[in-house]
């Protein structure tokens, strides 16, 4: 195969091994149905996207609270939409899944093929002890990087899957998405499409 800088190569064959190796990492395949995925995407695409914050290159929607990327602080005012009733079933299901409380904040991110986000910790003074994310529309490679050893471990974040970060997965390992159009796992190529993530 010819080298392509858009390919994200991974030696991960059985990602359950990676998941088990990072304390506090929970991954659930097909956490929502294809019908629920379609309903969520239709609802999201009917809402307004935030294109005001110049530091964000991707489109976002925020509910409950607004995370200001420039100041790295949370903001609550009348301009922040409340948590949508249409997502109550997701919030309640998260609690049944073990999320510590009913989520009161949501960031919706849109990633087009080739877009990603650098390895990071979600701000501990803004977000709670658990962070959950659901992938809609497409799969993508999801990387974990240890800040001291720089060891990188990757999983395939499949569409309709849920990931929850607590403990070391939340506070020690950084997580990010490589800027690629194709992810390769176990010798199989996964072509990225438009992807929307719901992060609570």
N, C-alpha and C. Protein backbone atom coordinates (compact mmCIF):
# COMPACT_ATOMS: atom_id res chain seq x y z
N UNK A 1 0.84 -1.19 0.00
CA UNK A 1 0.00 0.00 0.00
C UNK A 1 0.89 1.24 0.00
N UNK A 2 0.58 2.21 -0.85
CA UNK A 2 1.35 3.44 -0.90
C UNK A 2 1.09 4.27 0.35
N UNK A 3 2.12 5.00 0.76
CA UNK A 3 1.96 5.84 1.93
C UNK A 3 1.00 6.98 1.63
N UNK A 4 0.13 7.24 2.57
CA UNK A 4 -0.83 8.33 2.45
C UNK A 4 -0.85 9.05 3.79
N UNK A 5 -0.52 10.35 3.77
CA UNK A 5 -0.42 11.07 5.03
C UNK A 5 -1.76 11.20 5.73
N UNK A 6 -2.84 10.90 5.04
CA UNK A 6 -4.15 10.97 5.67
C UNK A 6 -4.53 9.69 6.39
N UNK A 7 -3.69 8.66 6.27
CA UNK A 7 -3.98 7.41 6.94
C UNK A 7 -3.48 7.45 8.37
N UNK A 8 -4.29 6.94 9.29
CA UNK A 8 -3.87 6.80 10.68
C UNK A 8 -3.66 5.31 10.92
N UNK A 9 -2.40 4.88 11.00
CA UNK A 9 -2.11 3.47 11.16
C UNK A 9 -2.09 3.09 12.62
N UNK A 10 -2.59 1.93 12.93
CA UNK A 10 -2.60 1.45 14.30
C UNK A 10 -2.29 -0.03 14.31
N UNK A 11 -1.55 -0.45 15.33
CA UNK A 11 -1.26 -1.87 15.49
C UNK A 11 -2.31 -2.56 16.35
N UNK A 12 -3.33 -1.78 16.77
CA UNK A 12 -4.35 -2.34 17.64
C UNK A 12 -5.23 -3.32 16.87
N UNK A 13 -5.27 -4.55 17.31
CA UNK A 13 -6.12 -5.57 16.69
C UNK A 13 -7.33 -5.83 17.58
N UNK A 14 -7.08 -6.02 18.86
CA UNK A 14 -8.16 -6.27 19.81
C UNK A 14 -8.22 -5.08 20.76
N UNK A 15 -9.14 -4.16 20.51
CA UNK A 15 -9.11 -2.94 21.30
C UNK A 15 -9.60 -3.17 22.72
N UNK A 16 -10.21 -4.32 23.00
CA UNK A 16 -10.58 -4.60 24.37
C UNK A 16 -9.35 -4.67 25.27
N UNK A 17 -8.20 -5.05 24.69
CA UNK A 17 -6.95 -5.06 25.45
C UNK A 17 -6.55 -3.65 25.85
N UNK A 18 -6.70 -2.71 24.93
CA UNK A 18 -6.37 -1.32 25.23
C UNK A 18 -7.33 -0.77 26.28
N UNK A 19 -8.61 -1.04 26.11
CA UNK A 19 -9.61 -0.53 27.05
C UNK A 19 -9.32 -1.03 28.45
N UNK A 20 -8.99 -2.32 28.57
CA UNK A 20 -8.72 -2.90 29.89
C UNK A 20 -7.43 -2.36 30.50
N UNK A 21 -6.53 -1.83 29.67
CA UNK A 21 -5.23 -1.38 30.17
C UNK A 21 -5.26 0.05 30.71
N UNK A 22 -6.37 0.76 30.53
CA UNK A 22 -6.48 2.14 31.01
C UNK A 22 -7.56 2.19 32.08
N UNK A 23 -7.19 2.27 33.34
CA UNK A 23 -8.19 2.29 34.42
C UNK A 23 -9.17 3.45 34.26
N UNK A 24 -10.44 3.14 34.44
CA UNK A 24 -11.47 4.18 34.35
C UNK A 24 -12.05 4.38 32.98
N UNK A 25 -11.60 3.61 32.00
CA UNK A 25 -12.11 3.74 30.64
C UNK A 25 -13.23 2.73 30.40
N UNK A 26 -14.40 3.23 30.04
CA UNK A 26 -15.55 2.39 29.72
C UNK A 26 -15.92 2.63 28.27
N UNK A 27 -16.11 1.53 27.52
CA UNK A 27 -16.48 1.64 26.10
C UNK A 27 -17.63 0.68 25.84
N UNK A 28 -18.71 1.18 25.23
CA UNK A 28 -19.89 0.37 24.95
C UNK A 28 -20.25 0.51 23.48
N UNK A 29 -20.17 -0.58 22.75
CA UNK A 29 -20.56 -0.56 21.34
C UNK A 29 -22.07 -0.50 21.21
N UNK A 30 -22.53 0.15 20.12
CA UNK A 30 -23.97 0.21 19.81
C UNK A 30 -24.79 0.61 21.03
N UNK A 31 -24.34 1.66 21.70
CA UNK A 31 -25.04 2.12 22.91
C UNK A 31 -26.38 2.74 22.55
N UNK A 32 -26.49 3.27 21.35
CA UNK A 32 -27.77 3.73 20.83
C UNK A 32 -28.06 2.97 19.55
N UNK A 33 -29.32 2.95 19.15
CA UNK A 33 -29.72 2.26 17.93
C UNK A 33 -29.51 3.17 16.72
N UNK A 34 -29.57 2.58 15.54
CA UNK A 34 -29.45 3.38 14.32
C UNK A 34 -30.61 4.36 14.20
N UNK A 35 -31.81 3.96 14.67
CA UNK A 35 -32.95 4.87 14.64
C UNK A 35 -32.74 6.05 15.58
N UNK A 36 -32.19 5.78 16.77
CA UNK A 36 -31.92 6.86 17.72
C UNK A 36 -30.83 7.78 17.18
N UNK A 37 -29.84 7.20 16.53
CA UNK A 37 -28.78 8.01 15.93
C UNK A 37 -29.37 8.97 14.90
N UNK A 38 -30.23 8.47 14.05
CA UNK A 38 -30.85 9.31 13.02
C UNK A 38 -31.69 10.42 13.64
N UNK A 39 -32.44 10.06 14.69
CA UNK A 39 -33.27 11.06 15.38
C UNK A 39 -32.40 12.15 15.99
N UNK A 40 -31.30 11.77 16.63
CA UNK A 40 -30.41 12.73 17.26
C UNK A 40 -29.78 13.66 16.22
N UNK A 41 -29.30 13.08 15.13
CA UNK A 41 -28.68 13.90 14.08
C UNK A 41 -29.68 14.87 13.46
N UNK A 42 -30.90 14.40 13.24
CA UNK A 42 -31.92 15.28 12.68
C UNK A 42 -32.22 16.45 13.62
N UNK A 43 -32.30 16.14 14.91
CA UNK A 43 -32.57 17.20 15.89
C UNK A 43 -31.41 18.19 15.93
N UNK A 44 -30.18 17.69 15.99
CA UNK A 44 -29.01 18.55 16.08
C UNK A 44 -28.91 19.47 14.86
N UNK A 45 -29.18 18.92 13.68
CA UNK A 45 -29.04 19.72 12.47
C UNK A 45 -30.14 20.77 12.32
N UNK A 46 -31.16 20.70 13.15
CA UNK A 46 -32.20 21.73 13.14
C UNK A 46 -31.88 22.87 14.09
N UNK A 47 -30.81 22.73 14.90
CA UNK A 47 -30.44 23.74 15.87
C UNK A 47 -29.36 24.66 15.29
N UNK A 48 -29.12 25.76 15.98
CA UNK A 48 -28.11 26.73 15.54
C UNK A 48 -26.72 26.30 15.98
N UNK A 49 -25.74 26.47 15.10
CA UNK A 49 -24.36 26.15 15.41
C UNK A 49 -23.64 27.41 15.86
N UNK A 50 -22.75 27.26 16.84
CA UNK A 50 -21.96 28.38 17.34
C UNK A 50 -20.74 28.55 16.45
N UNK A 51 -20.68 29.67 15.77
CA UNK A 51 -19.51 29.98 14.94
C UNK A 51 -18.88 31.30 15.39
N UNK A 52 -19.20 31.72 16.62
CA UNK A 52 -18.74 33.02 17.11
C UNK A 52 -17.34 32.93 17.70
N UNK A 53 -17.05 31.85 18.44
CA UNK A 53 -15.75 31.77 19.10
C UNK A 53 -14.65 31.53 18.06
N UNK A 54 -13.75 32.50 17.87
CA UNK A 54 -12.75 32.40 16.80
C UNK A 54 -11.70 31.32 17.03
N UNK A 55 -11.56 30.86 18.28
CA UNK A 55 -10.54 29.85 18.56
C UNK A 55 -10.99 28.45 18.19
N UNK A 56 -12.26 28.29 17.83
CA UNK A 56 -12.80 26.98 17.45
C UNK A 56 -12.92 26.91 15.94
N UNK A 57 -12.25 25.94 15.33
CA UNK A 57 -12.30 25.82 13.87
C UNK A 57 -13.45 24.94 13.41
N UNK A 58 -14.04 24.19 14.34
CA UNK A 58 -15.15 23.32 13.98
C UNK A 58 -16.46 23.91 14.51
N UNK A 59 -17.58 23.41 14.00
CA UNK A 59 -18.87 23.89 14.47
C UNK A 59 -19.24 23.18 15.77
N UNK A 60 -19.82 23.96 16.69
CA UNK A 60 -20.22 23.41 17.98
C UNK A 60 -21.60 23.91 18.36
N UNK A 61 -22.24 23.17 19.25
CA UNK A 61 -23.45 23.61 19.95
C UNK A 61 -23.21 23.36 21.43
N UNK A 62 -23.69 24.26 22.28
CA UNK A 62 -23.51 24.09 23.72
C UNK A 62 -24.84 24.30 24.44
N UNK A 63 -25.07 23.46 25.45
CA UNK A 63 -26.32 23.49 26.21
C UNK A 63 -26.01 23.42 27.70
N UNK A 64 -26.84 24.08 28.49
CA UNK A 64 -26.67 24.06 29.94
C UNK A 64 -25.68 25.11 30.40
N UNK A 65 -24.44 24.97 29.96
CA UNK A 65 -23.37 25.94 30.22
C UNK A 65 -22.62 26.17 28.91
N UNK A 66 -21.93 27.30 28.81
CA UNK A 66 -21.08 27.58 27.66
C UNK A 66 -19.63 27.56 28.09
N UNK A 67 -18.83 26.73 27.42
CA UNK A 67 -17.39 26.70 27.69
C UNK A 67 -16.72 27.71 26.75
N UNK A 68 -16.10 28.73 27.33
CA UNK A 68 -15.43 29.75 26.56
C UNK A 68 -13.99 29.30 26.31
N UNK A 69 -13.67 28.95 25.08
CA UNK A 69 -12.36 28.39 24.78
C UNK A 69 -11.23 29.38 25.01
N UNK A 70 -11.47 30.67 24.75
CA UNK A 70 -10.41 31.67 24.90
C UNK A 70 -9.97 31.80 26.35
N UNK A 71 -10.94 31.80 27.27
CA UNK A 71 -10.62 31.95 28.70
C UNK A 71 -10.54 30.62 29.42
N UNK A 72 -10.99 29.53 28.75
CA UNK A 72 -11.00 28.20 29.36
C UNK A 72 -11.86 28.18 30.63
N UNK A 73 -12.99 28.89 30.58
CA UNK A 73 -13.90 28.97 31.71
C UNK A 73 -15.33 28.65 31.26
N UNK A 74 -16.14 28.21 32.23
CA UNK A 74 -17.55 27.99 31.99
C UNK A 74 -18.34 29.28 32.21
N UNK A 75 -19.40 29.43 31.45
CA UNK A 75 -20.25 30.61 31.56
C UNK A 75 -21.70 30.18 31.51
N UNK A 76 -22.51 30.74 32.39
CA UNK A 76 -23.94 30.47 32.40
C UNK A 76 -24.67 31.80 32.33
N UNK A 77 -25.39 32.00 31.24
CA UNK A 77 -26.20 33.22 31.12
C UNK A 77 -27.40 32.92 30.23
N UNK A 78 -28.17 33.94 29.95
CA UNK A 78 -29.41 33.75 29.19
C UNK A 78 -29.16 33.33 27.75
N UNK A 79 -27.93 33.51 27.26
CA UNK A 79 -27.64 33.15 25.88
C UNK A 79 -27.37 31.65 25.72
N UNK A 80 -27.21 30.94 26.83
CA UNK A 80 -26.94 29.50 26.77
C UNK A 80 -28.25 28.73 26.76
N UNK A 81 -28.53 27.96 25.72
CA UNK A 81 -29.77 27.19 25.69
C UNK A 81 -29.79 26.14 26.80
N UNK A 82 -30.96 25.85 27.34
CA UNK A 82 -31.06 24.79 28.35
C UNK A 82 -30.86 23.42 27.72
N UNK A 83 -30.70 22.42 28.56
CA UNK A 83 -30.58 21.05 28.05
C UNK A 83 -31.86 20.68 27.29
N UNK A 84 -31.75 20.21 26.06
CA UNK A 84 -32.95 19.91 25.25
C UNK A 84 -33.73 18.73 25.81
N UNK A 85 -35.03 18.85 25.85
CA UNK A 85 -35.88 17.75 26.29
C UNK A 85 -35.70 16.54 25.38
N UNK A 86 -35.38 16.79 24.11
CA UNK A 86 -35.21 15.69 23.15
C UNK A 86 -34.04 14.78 23.51
N UNK A 87 -33.15 15.24 24.40
CA UNK A 87 -32.00 14.43 24.80
C UNK A 87 -32.15 13.87 26.21
N UNK A 88 -33.33 14.02 26.80
CA UNK A 88 -33.52 13.51 28.16
C UNK A 88 -33.33 12.00 28.24
N UNK A 89 -33.72 11.29 27.21
CA UNK A 89 -33.57 9.83 27.25
C UNK A 89 -32.11 9.42 27.26
N UNK A 90 -31.26 10.22 26.62
CA UNK A 90 -29.82 9.96 26.65
C UNK A 90 -29.26 10.26 28.03
N UNK A 91 -29.64 11.36 28.61
CA UNK A 91 -29.16 11.74 29.94
C UNK A 91 -29.55 10.69 30.98
N UNK A 92 -30.80 10.24 30.91
CA UNK A 92 -31.27 9.24 31.87
C UNK A 92 -30.57 7.89 31.66
N UNK A 93 -30.32 7.55 30.41
CA UNK A 93 -29.63 6.29 30.13
C UNK A 93 -28.19 6.32 30.63
N UNK A 94 -27.57 7.51 30.56
CA UNK A 94 -26.21 7.65 31.08
C UNK A 94 -26.16 7.36 32.58
N UNK A 95 -27.15 7.84 33.31
CA UNK A 95 -27.19 7.57 34.75
C UNK A 95 -27.32 6.07 35.00
N UNK A 96 -28.16 5.39 34.23
CA UNK A 96 -28.29 3.94 34.36
C UNK A 96 -26.99 3.23 33.99
N UNK A 97 -26.20 3.86 33.13
CA UNK A 97 -24.92 3.28 32.71
C UNK A 97 -23.85 3.46 33.79
N UNK A 98 -24.13 4.31 34.78
CA UNK A 98 -23.16 4.53 35.85
C UNK A 98 -22.62 5.94 35.93
N UNK A 99 -23.12 6.84 35.07
CA UNK A 99 -22.70 8.23 35.16
C UNK A 99 -23.13 8.77 36.51
N UNK A 100 -22.27 9.53 37.21
CA UNK A 100 -22.53 9.88 38.61
C UNK A 100 -23.76 10.74 38.87
N UNK A 101 -24.21 11.50 37.87
CA UNK A 101 -25.40 12.33 38.07
C UNK A 101 -26.03 12.62 36.72
N UNK A 102 -27.24 13.16 36.74
CA UNK A 102 -27.89 13.54 35.50
C UNK A 102 -27.10 14.69 34.88
N UNK A 103 -26.58 14.51 33.67
CA UNK A 103 -25.75 15.57 33.06
C UNK A 103 -26.52 16.88 32.91
N UNK A 104 -25.84 17.98 33.24
CA UNK A 104 -26.46 19.30 33.12
C UNK A 104 -25.73 20.19 32.12
N UNK A 105 -24.84 19.58 31.34
CA UNK A 105 -24.07 20.35 30.35
C UNK A 105 -23.75 19.44 29.17
N UNK A 106 -23.78 20.00 27.97
CA UNK A 106 -23.53 19.23 26.75
C UNK A 106 -22.81 20.09 25.72
N UNK A 107 -21.77 19.52 25.13
CA UNK A 107 -21.09 20.14 23.99
C UNK A 107 -21.25 19.21 22.79
N UNK A 108 -21.78 19.75 21.71
CA UNK A 108 -21.92 19.01 20.45
C UNK A 108 -20.82 19.51 19.52
N UNK A 109 -19.99 18.60 19.05
CA UNK A 109 -18.90 18.94 18.12
C UNK A 109 -19.13 18.27 16.78
N UNK A 110 -18.89 19.00 15.71
CA UNK A 110 -18.94 18.44 14.36
C UNK A 110 -17.51 18.31 13.83
N UNK A 111 -17.16 17.09 13.40
CA UNK A 111 -15.84 16.84 12.81
C UNK A 111 -16.04 16.36 11.37
N UNK A 112 -15.48 17.10 10.43
CA UNK A 112 -15.48 16.67 9.04
C UNK A 112 -14.24 15.82 8.80
N UNK A 113 -14.23 14.98 7.75
CA UNK A 113 -13.05 14.16 7.47
C UNK A 113 -11.78 14.99 7.41
N UNK A 114 -10.75 14.54 8.11
CA UNK A 114 -9.50 15.28 8.17
C UNK A 114 -9.38 16.19 9.37
N UNK A 115 -10.47 16.41 10.09
CA UNK A 115 -10.43 17.24 11.29
C UNK A 115 -10.22 16.38 12.52
N UNK A 116 -9.64 16.97 13.55
CA UNK A 116 -9.41 16.26 14.80
C UNK A 116 -9.22 17.24 15.93
N UNK A 117 -8.64 16.73 17.03
CA UNK A 117 -8.38 17.57 18.19
C UNK A 117 -7.13 17.04 18.88
N UNK A 118 -6.25 17.93 19.29
CA UNK A 118 -4.99 17.53 19.90
C UNK A 118 -5.24 16.85 21.25
N UNK A 119 -4.33 15.96 21.66
CA UNK A 119 -4.48 15.29 22.96
C UNK A 119 -4.61 16.32 24.09
N UNK A 120 -5.57 16.09 24.99
CA UNK A 120 -5.87 17.06 26.03
C UNK A 120 -6.56 16.38 27.20
N UNK A 121 -6.61 17.06 28.31
CA UNK A 121 -7.49 16.72 29.43
C UNK A 121 -8.67 17.68 29.40
N UNK A 122 -9.89 17.17 29.57
CA UNK A 122 -11.02 18.08 29.75
C UNK A 122 -10.83 18.79 31.09
N UNK A 123 -11.00 20.10 31.10
CA UNK A 123 -10.64 20.92 32.25
C UNK A 123 -11.29 20.39 33.54
N UNK A 124 -10.45 20.11 34.51
CA UNK A 124 -10.95 19.53 35.76
C UNK A 124 -11.76 20.53 36.58
N UNK A 125 -11.52 21.83 36.40
CA UNK A 125 -12.26 22.82 37.17
C UNK A 125 -13.56 23.23 36.47
N UNK A 126 -13.80 22.71 35.28
CA UNK A 126 -15.03 23.01 34.55
C UNK A 126 -15.96 21.81 34.44
N UNK A 127 -15.36 20.63 34.30
CA UNK A 127 -16.14 19.43 34.06
C UNK A 127 -16.00 18.47 35.24
N UNK A 128 -16.94 17.56 35.38
CA UNK A 128 -17.01 16.69 36.54
C UNK A 128 -16.02 15.54 36.51
N UNK A 129 -16.21 14.62 37.47
CA UNK A 129 -15.30 13.49 37.62
C UNK A 129 -15.45 12.46 36.52
N UNK A 130 -16.54 12.55 35.77
CA UNK A 130 -16.76 11.64 34.65
C UNK A 130 -17.12 12.45 33.42
N UNK A 131 -16.57 12.05 32.28
CA UNK A 131 -16.90 12.67 30.99
C UNK A 131 -17.38 11.56 30.06
N UNK A 132 -18.51 11.77 29.42
CA UNK A 132 -19.07 10.78 28.51
C UNK A 132 -19.21 11.37 27.12
N UNK A 133 -18.97 10.55 26.10
CA UNK A 133 -19.10 11.02 24.72
C UNK A 133 -19.73 9.94 23.87
N UNK A 134 -20.62 10.36 22.97
CA UNK A 134 -21.31 9.45 22.05
C UNK A 134 -20.96 9.88 20.64
N UNK A 135 -20.65 8.93 19.77
CA UNK A 135 -20.23 9.20 18.41
C UNK A 135 -21.38 8.95 17.44
N UNK A 136 -21.70 9.95 16.63
CA UNK A 136 -22.79 9.84 15.67
C UNK A 136 -22.26 10.03 14.25
N UNK A 137 -22.76 9.22 13.33
CA UNK A 137 -22.49 9.46 11.91
C UNK A 137 -21.26 8.80 11.34
N UNK A 138 -20.25 8.56 12.15
CA UNK A 138 -19.00 8.01 11.63
C UNK A 138 -18.16 7.49 12.78
N UNK A 139 -17.26 6.59 12.46
CA UNK A 139 -16.25 6.15 13.42
C UNK A 139 -15.02 7.03 13.27
N UNK A 140 -14.10 6.91 14.22
CA UNK A 140 -12.81 7.61 14.12
C UNK A 140 -11.83 6.97 15.09
N UNK A 141 -10.56 7.15 14.82
CA UNK A 141 -9.55 6.72 15.75
C UNK A 141 -9.55 7.62 16.96
N UNK A 142 -9.46 7.03 18.15
CA UNK A 142 -9.49 7.78 19.40
C UNK A 142 -8.23 7.42 20.16
N UNK A 143 -7.37 8.41 20.38
CA UNK A 143 -6.03 8.16 20.93
C UNK A 143 -5.94 8.56 22.39
N UNK A 144 -5.20 7.76 23.15
CA UNK A 144 -4.86 8.07 24.52
C UNK A 144 -3.34 8.21 24.61
N UNK A 145 -2.90 9.31 25.19
CA UNK A 145 -1.46 9.58 25.29
C UNK A 145 -1.11 9.82 26.75
N UNK A 146 -0.10 9.07 27.25
CA UNK A 146 0.35 9.27 28.62
C UNK A 146 1.28 10.48 28.66
N UNK A 147 0.99 11.49 29.49
CA UNK A 147 1.76 12.73 29.45
C UNK A 147 3.22 12.59 29.89
N UNK A 148 3.55 11.56 30.67
CA UNK A 148 4.92 11.39 31.14
C UNK A 148 5.74 10.50 30.20
N UNK A 149 5.19 9.36 29.83
CA UNK A 149 5.93 8.42 28.98
C UNK A 149 5.71 8.68 27.50
N UNK A 150 4.66 9.46 27.16
CA UNK A 150 4.26 9.74 25.78
C UNK A 150 3.81 8.48 25.05
N UNK A 151 3.55 7.42 25.79
CA UNK A 151 3.01 6.20 25.17
C UNK A 151 1.63 6.50 24.60
N UNK A 152 1.38 5.97 23.42
CA UNK A 152 0.11 6.19 22.74
C UNK A 152 -0.64 4.88 22.57
N UNK A 153 -1.89 4.87 22.99
CA UNK A 153 -2.75 3.71 22.81
C UNK A 153 -4.02 4.18 22.11
N UNK A 154 -4.47 3.42 21.12
CA UNK A 154 -5.58 3.87 20.29
C UNK A 154 -6.69 2.83 20.23
N UNK A 155 -7.91 3.33 20.13
CA UNK A 155 -9.06 2.48 19.89
C UNK A 155 -9.84 3.07 18.71
N UNK A 156 -10.73 2.27 18.15
CA UNK A 156 -11.64 2.77 17.12
C UNK A 156 -12.94 3.17 17.82
N UNK A 157 -13.24 4.46 17.80
CA UNK A 157 -14.49 4.95 18.36
C UNK A 157 -15.56 4.78 17.29
N UNK A 158 -16.35 3.73 17.43
CA UNK A 158 -17.34 3.39 16.40
C UNK A 158 -18.57 4.28 16.51
N UNK A 159 -19.25 4.45 15.40
CA UNK A 159 -20.49 5.24 15.42
C UNK A 159 -21.51 4.52 16.30
N UNK A 160 -22.26 5.29 17.04
CA UNK A 160 -23.28 4.85 18.00
C UNK A 160 -22.67 4.29 19.29
N UNK A 161 -21.36 4.41 19.44
CA UNK A 161 -20.71 3.91 20.65
C UNK A 161 -20.67 4.99 21.73
N UNK A 162 -20.53 4.53 22.97
CA UNK A 162 -20.39 5.41 24.13
C UNK A 162 -19.03 5.18 24.75
N UNK A 163 -18.39 6.26 25.17
CA UNK A 163 -17.15 6.17 25.93
C UNK A 163 -17.30 7.02 27.18
N UNK A 164 -16.88 6.48 28.32
CA UNK A 164 -16.91 7.21 29.58
C UNK A 164 -15.50 7.22 30.15
N UNK A 165 -15.04 8.40 30.55
CA UNK A 165 -13.72 8.56 31.13
C UNK A 165 -13.85 8.91 32.61
N UNK A 166 -13.26 8.08 33.47
CA UNK A 166 -13.16 8.37 34.89
C UNK A 166 -11.76 7.98 35.34
N UNK A 167 -11.41 8.31 36.56
CA UNK A 167 -10.13 7.87 37.10
C UNK A 167 -8.94 8.25 36.23
N UNK A 168 -8.04 7.28 36.00
CA UNK A 168 -6.84 7.54 35.20
C UNK A 168 -7.19 7.96 33.78
N UNK A 169 -8.24 7.37 33.22
CA UNK A 169 -8.64 7.72 31.85
C UNK A 169 -9.08 9.18 31.77
N UNK A 170 -9.56 9.71 32.87
CA UNK A 170 -10.03 11.10 32.92
C UNK A 170 -8.91 12.06 33.31
N UNK A 171 -8.10 11.68 34.32
CA UNK A 171 -7.17 12.63 34.92
C UNK A 171 -5.71 12.42 34.55
N UNK A 172 -5.35 11.22 34.09
CA UNK A 172 -3.94 10.95 33.77
C UNK A 172 -3.71 10.94 32.26
N UNK A 173 -4.39 10.06 31.56
CA UNK A 173 -4.21 9.93 30.11
C UNK A 173 -4.89 11.09 29.39
N UNK A 174 -4.18 11.72 28.45
CA UNK A 174 -4.80 12.69 27.56
C UNK A 174 -5.51 11.94 26.44
N UNK A 175 -6.55 12.53 25.87
CA UNK A 175 -7.24 11.90 24.75
C UNK A 175 -7.35 12.90 23.60
N UNK A 176 -7.35 12.37 22.38
CA UNK A 176 -7.43 13.22 21.21
C UNK A 176 -7.82 12.43 19.98
N UNK A 177 -7.99 13.15 18.88
CA UNK A 177 -8.36 12.54 17.61
C UNK A 177 -7.38 13.02 16.55
N UNK A 178 -6.67 12.10 15.91
CA UNK A 178 -5.71 12.47 14.88
C UNK A 178 -6.44 13.07 13.69
N UNK A 179 -5.77 13.99 13.00
CA UNK A 179 -6.36 14.61 11.82
C UNK A 179 -6.13 13.70 10.62
N UNK A 180 -7.13 12.92 10.30
CA UNK A 180 -7.01 11.91 9.25
C UNK A 180 -8.34 11.76 8.54
N UNK A 181 -8.30 11.14 7.38
CA UNK A 181 -9.54 10.83 6.65
C UNK A 181 -9.84 9.34 6.66
N UNK A 182 -8.83 8.54 6.99
CA UNK A 182 -8.99 7.08 7.05
C UNK A 182 -8.29 6.58 8.30
N UNK A 183 -8.94 5.69 9.04
CA UNK A 183 -8.33 5.02 10.19
C UNK A 183 -8.13 3.56 9.84
N UNK A 184 -7.00 3.01 10.23
CA UNK A 184 -6.69 1.61 9.96
C UNK A 184 -6.54 0.87 11.29
N UNK A 185 -7.39 -0.10 11.50
CA UNK A 185 -7.33 -0.92 12.70
C UNK A 185 -7.41 -2.38 12.30
N UNK A 186 -6.46 -3.14 12.81
CA UNK A 186 -6.45 -4.57 12.50
C UNK A 186 -6.37 -4.87 11.02
N UNK A 187 -5.71 -3.99 10.26
CA UNK A 187 -5.57 -4.19 8.83
C UNK A 187 -6.79 -3.77 8.02
N UNK A 188 -7.81 -3.26 8.67
CA UNK A 188 -9.03 -2.84 7.98
C UNK A 188 -9.12 -1.33 7.94
N UNK A 189 -9.50 -0.78 6.80
CA UNK A 189 -9.64 0.66 6.66
C UNK A 189 -11.06 1.11 7.01
N UNK A 190 -11.12 2.20 7.75
CA UNK A 190 -12.39 2.82 8.10
C UNK A 190 -12.36 4.26 7.60
N UNK A 191 -13.12 4.53 6.55
CA UNK A 191 -13.13 5.86 5.94
C UNK A 191 -14.03 6.78 6.76
N UNK A 192 -13.49 7.90 7.14
CA UNK A 192 -14.27 8.83 7.95
C UNK A 192 -15.29 9.58 7.11
N UNK A 193 -16.43 9.81 7.73
CA UNK A 193 -17.48 10.65 7.17
C UNK A 193 -17.70 11.79 8.17
N UNK A 194 -18.67 12.62 7.90
CA UNK A 194 -19.01 13.64 8.90
C UNK A 194 -19.36 12.95 10.22
N UNK A 195 -18.76 13.44 11.28
CA UNK A 195 -18.98 12.85 12.60
C UNK A 195 -19.44 13.93 13.58
N UNK A 196 -20.44 13.59 14.36
CA UNK A 196 -20.93 14.50 15.40
C UNK A 196 -20.79 13.80 16.75
N UNK A 197 -20.17 14.47 17.69
CA UNK A 197 -20.01 13.89 19.02
C UNK A 197 -20.84 14.66 20.03
N UNK A 198 -21.44 13.92 20.97
CA UNK A 198 -22.16 14.51 22.09
C UNK A 198 -21.32 14.26 23.32
N UNK A 199 -20.82 15.31 23.96
CA UNK A 199 -19.97 15.14 25.13
C UNK A 199 -20.64 15.79 26.34
N UNK A 200 -20.83 14.97 27.37
CA UNK A 200 -21.50 15.39 28.60
C UNK A 200 -20.47 15.49 29.74
